[in-house]
Amino acid sequence: MANPLISRNTNPVQTQKPNIMQALGQFRQNPIGALKQAGYNIPDNMNNPEQIVNYLMQSGQLNNSKVGQITQMARNFGLIK
């Protein structure tokens, strides 16, 4: 019997990347839900974006580099100036 881990006949499990526009739409509709779905831990009582970013940075879930990337993406989508 062939080893399924190295068999050429076995199709690897492929993960589907989310459509960026679909992800943006979901984020706009429910930003906290989208962040939680992405794996971020946010207390339920937080709803202020600045407070959430500060919490994520203080808790080590985000670093300055990632915040910079997110800020640039938001600018590119016209979400911030």
N, C-alpha and C. Protein backbone atom coordinates (compact mmCIF):
# COMPACT_ATOMS: atom_id res chain seq x y z
N MET A 1 0.85 -1.18 0.00
CA MET A 1 0.00 0.00 0.00
C MET A 1 0.89 1.24 0.00
N ALA A 2 0.57 2.18 -0.87
CA ALA A 2 1.37 3.40 -0.99
C ALA A 2 1.13 4.33 0.19
N ASN A 3 2.16 5.06 0.54
CA ASN A 3 2.07 6.04 1.62
C ASN A 3 1.29 7.25 1.10
N PRO A 4 0.13 7.59 1.69
CA PRO A 4 -0.67 8.71 1.18
C PRO A 4 0.00 10.07 1.35
N LEU A 5 1.00 10.13 2.22
CA LEU A 5 1.68 11.42 2.43
C LEU A 5 2.62 11.75 1.28
N ILE A 6 3.10 10.72 0.57
CA ILE A 6 4.04 10.98 -0.51
C ILE A 6 3.55 10.49 -1.86
N SER A 7 2.37 9.92 -1.91
CA SER A 7 1.81 9.42 -3.15
C SER A 7 1.48 10.56 -4.10
N ARG A 8 1.81 10.38 -5.36
CA ARG A 8 1.49 11.40 -6.36
C ARG A 8 0.01 11.40 -6.70
N ASN A 9 -0.68 10.34 -6.36
CA ASN A 9 -2.10 10.23 -6.66
C ASN A 9 -2.98 10.92 -5.62
N THR A 10 -2.40 11.29 -4.50
CA THR A 10 -3.17 11.92 -3.44
C THR A 10 -3.19 13.43 -3.67
N ASN A 11 -4.38 14.00 -3.73
CA ASN A 11 -4.50 15.45 -3.89
C ASN A 11 -4.31 16.12 -2.55
N PRO A 12 -3.37 17.07 -2.45
CA PRO A 12 -3.20 17.77 -1.18
C PRO A 12 -4.42 18.63 -0.88
N VAL A 13 -4.68 18.82 0.37
CA VAL A 13 -5.79 19.69 0.77
C VAL A 13 -5.40 21.11 0.41
N GLN A 14 -6.26 21.76 -0.33
CA GLN A 14 -5.98 23.13 -0.75
C GLN A 14 -6.88 24.08 0.03
N THR A 15 -6.27 25.11 0.56
CA THR A 15 -7.05 26.12 1.27
C THR A 15 -7.39 27.22 0.28
N GLN A 16 -8.59 27.71 0.38
CA GLN A 16 -9.04 28.76 -0.52
C GLN A 16 -8.79 30.11 0.14
N LYS A 17 -8.08 30.97 -0.58
CA LYS A 17 -7.83 32.31 -0.07
C LYS A 17 -9.09 33.14 -0.24
N PRO A 18 -9.41 33.94 0.78
CA PRO A 18 -10.63 34.74 0.67
C PRO A 18 -10.46 35.84 -0.37
N ASN A 19 -11.52 36.15 -1.06
CA ASN A 19 -11.54 37.24 -2.00
C ASN A 19 -11.38 38.53 -1.20
N ILE A 20 -10.44 39.38 -1.58
CA ILE A 20 -10.13 40.57 -0.80
C ILE A 20 -11.33 41.51 -0.71
N MET A 21 -12.11 41.62 -1.77
CA MET A 21 -13.26 42.51 -1.72
C MET A 21 -14.37 41.93 -0.83
N GLN A 22 -14.51 40.61 -0.84
CA GLN A 22 -15.47 39.96 0.04
C GLN A 22 -15.05 40.16 1.50
N ALA A 23 -13.76 39.97 1.76
CA ALA A 23 -13.26 40.16 3.12
C ALA A 23 -13.45 41.61 3.57
N LEU A 24 -13.21 42.56 2.67
CA LEU A 24 -13.40 43.97 3.01
C LEU A 24 -14.87 44.26 3.32
N GLY A 25 -15.77 43.68 2.54
CA GLY A 25 -17.19 43.86 2.79
C GLY A 25 -17.61 43.31 4.14
N GLN A 26 -17.09 42.12 4.48
CA GLN A 26 -17.39 41.53 5.78
C GLN A 26 -16.82 42.40 6.89
N PHE A 27 -15.63 42.92 6.69
CA PHE A 27 -15.01 43.78 7.70
C PHE A 27 -15.82 45.05 7.90
N ARG A 28 -16.30 45.64 6.82
CA ARG A 28 -17.10 46.86 6.93
C ARG A 28 -18.41 46.61 7.67
N GLN A 29 -19.03 45.45 7.43
CA GLN A 29 -20.30 45.13 8.07
C GLN A 29 -20.13 44.83 9.55
N ASN A 30 -19.05 44.13 9.89
CA ASN A 30 -18.86 43.70 11.28
C ASN A 30 -17.36 43.62 11.57
N PRO A 31 -16.71 44.77 11.80
CA PRO A 31 -15.25 44.77 11.98
C PRO A 31 -14.78 43.91 13.15
N ILE A 32 -15.48 43.97 14.28
CA ILE A 32 -15.05 43.19 15.44
C ILE A 32 -15.21 41.70 15.15
N GLY A 33 -16.32 41.33 14.53
CA GLY A 33 -16.54 39.93 14.17
C GLY A 33 -15.49 39.42 13.21
N ALA A 34 -15.11 40.25 12.23
CA ALA A 34 -14.09 39.87 11.25
C ALA A 34 -12.73 39.68 11.94
N LEU A 35 -12.41 40.58 12.87
CA LEU A 35 -11.15 40.45 13.60
C LEU A 35 -11.13 39.19 14.46
N LYS A 36 -12.25 38.92 15.11
CA LYS A 36 -12.33 37.72 15.95
C LYS A 36 -12.23 36.47 15.09
N GLN A 37 -12.87 36.49 13.93
CA GLN A 37 -12.82 35.34 13.02
C GLN A 37 -11.40 35.13 12.51
N ALA A 38 -10.64 36.21 12.40
CA ALA A 38 -9.25 36.11 11.96
C ALA A 38 -8.33 35.63 13.08
N GLY A 39 -8.88 35.47 14.28
CA GLY A 39 -8.09 34.92 15.38
C GLY A 39 -7.66 35.91 16.44
N TYR A 40 -8.09 37.16 16.31
CA TYR A 40 -7.72 38.16 17.31
C TYR A 40 -8.67 38.06 18.51
N ASN A 41 -8.13 38.24 19.68
CA ASN A 41 -8.91 38.21 20.91
C ASN A 41 -9.22 39.64 21.32
N ILE A 42 -10.50 40.00 21.24
CA ILE A 42 -10.94 41.35 21.57
C ILE A 42 -12.05 41.25 22.60
N PRO A 43 -11.95 41.97 23.71
CA PRO A 43 -13.03 41.94 24.70
C PRO A 43 -14.36 42.42 24.09
N ASP A 44 -15.43 41.81 24.53
CA ASP A 44 -16.75 42.11 23.97
C ASP A 44 -17.19 43.55 24.18
N ASN A 45 -16.70 44.21 25.22
CA ASN A 45 -17.14 45.57 25.52
C ASN A 45 -16.41 46.64 24.72
N MET A 46 -15.46 46.28 23.88
CA MET A 46 -14.72 47.27 23.08
C MET A 46 -15.40 47.48 21.74
N ASN A 47 -15.57 48.75 21.36
CA ASN A 47 -16.12 49.05 20.05
C ASN A 47 -15.47 50.27 19.40
N ASN A 48 -14.56 50.93 20.09
CA ASN A 48 -13.84 52.08 19.56
C ASN A 48 -12.60 51.57 18.81
N PRO A 49 -12.46 51.90 17.52
CA PRO A 49 -11.32 51.38 16.74
C PRO A 49 -9.96 51.68 17.36
N GLU A 50 -9.77 52.90 17.86
CA GLU A 50 -8.48 53.26 18.46
C GLU A 50 -8.22 52.43 19.71
N GLN A 51 -9.26 52.24 20.50
CA GLN A 51 -9.15 51.43 21.72
C GLN A 51 -8.80 49.97 21.36
N ILE A 52 -9.42 49.46 20.31
CA ILE A 52 -9.16 48.08 19.89
C ILE A 52 -7.72 47.92 19.42
N VAL A 53 -7.24 48.86 18.60
CA VAL A 53 -5.86 48.79 18.12
C VAL A 53 -4.89 48.86 19.29
N ASN A 54 -5.13 49.79 20.22
CA ASN A 54 -4.26 49.89 21.40
C ASN A 54 -4.26 48.60 22.20
N TYR A 55 -5.43 48.01 22.38
CA TYR A 55 -5.52 46.75 23.12
C TYR A 55 -4.73 45.64 22.41
N LEU A 56 -4.92 45.54 21.09
CA LEU A 56 -4.22 44.49 20.34
C LEU A 56 -2.70 44.67 20.39
N MET A 57 -2.25 45.91 20.38
CA MET A 57 -0.80 46.16 20.47
C MET A 57 -0.29 45.86 21.88
N GLN A 58 -1.01 46.32 22.89
CA GLN A 58 -0.58 46.08 24.27
C GLN A 58 -0.59 44.60 24.63
N SER A 59 -1.52 43.86 24.03
CA SER A 59 -1.60 42.43 24.33
C SER A 59 -0.65 41.61 23.46
N GLY A 60 0.09 42.26 22.57
CA GLY A 60 1.06 41.57 21.73
C GLY A 60 0.45 40.88 20.51
N GLN A 61 -0.80 41.14 20.24
CA GLN A 61 -1.45 40.52 19.09
C GLN A 61 -1.13 41.25 17.78
N LEU A 62 -0.74 42.51 17.89
CA LEU A 62 -0.31 43.32 16.74
C LEU A 62 1.00 44.00 17.09
N ASN A 63 1.84 44.18 16.07
CA ASN A 63 3.07 44.96 16.28
C ASN A 63 3.03 46.18 15.35
N ASN A 64 3.98 47.06 15.51
CA ASN A 64 4.01 48.31 14.73
C ASN A 64 4.04 48.04 13.23
N SER A 65 4.77 47.02 12.82
CA SER A 65 4.87 46.69 11.40
C SER A 65 3.52 46.31 10.83
N LYS A 66 2.78 45.47 11.53
CA LYS A 66 1.47 45.03 11.07
C LYS A 66 0.49 46.20 11.05
N VAL A 67 0.56 47.07 12.06
CA VAL A 67 -0.32 48.25 12.08
C VAL A 67 -0.02 49.13 10.87
N GLY A 68 1.25 49.28 10.53
CA GLY A 68 1.63 50.06 9.35
C GLY A 68 1.07 49.45 8.07
N GLN A 69 1.13 48.13 7.96
CA GLN A 69 0.58 47.46 6.78
C GLN A 69 -0.93 47.65 6.69
N ILE A 70 -1.60 47.50 7.81
CA ILE A 70 -3.06 47.66 7.84
C ILE A 70 -3.44 49.10 7.49
N THR A 71 -2.69 50.07 8.04
CA THR A 71 -2.97 51.47 7.76
C THR A 71 -2.80 51.77 6.27
N GLN A 72 -1.75 51.23 5.66
CA GLN A 72 -1.53 51.45 4.24
C GLN A 72 -2.64 50.82 3.40
N MET A 73 -3.08 49.63 3.78
CA MET A 73 -4.19 48.99 3.06
C MET A 73 -5.46 49.83 3.18
N ALA A 74 -5.73 50.35 4.38
CA ALA A 74 -6.92 51.17 4.59
C ALA A 74 -6.85 52.43 3.72
N ARG A 75 -5.68 53.01 3.60
CA ARG A 75 -5.51 54.20 2.73
C ARG A 75 -5.78 53.82 1.28
N ASN A 76 -5.23 52.67 0.85
CA ASN A 76 -5.41 52.24 -0.53
C ASN A 76 -6.88 52.00 -0.87
N PHE A 77 -7.66 51.56 0.09
CA PHE A 77 -9.08 51.34 -0.12
C PHE A 77 -9.93 52.57 0.15
N GLY A 78 -9.28 53.67 0.50
CA GLY A 78 -10.00 54.92 0.76
C GLY A 78 -10.77 54.93 2.06
N LEU A 79 -10.38 54.06 2.99
CA LEU A 79 -11.08 54.01 4.28
C LEU A 79 -10.59 55.09 5.22
N ILE A 80 -9.34 55.52 5.06
CA ILE A 80 -8.78 56.60 5.87
C ILE A 80 -7.98 57.51 4.95
N LYS A 81 -7.72 58.72 5.41
CA LYS A 81 -6.94 59.67 4.61
C LYS A 81 -5.54 59.77 5.13
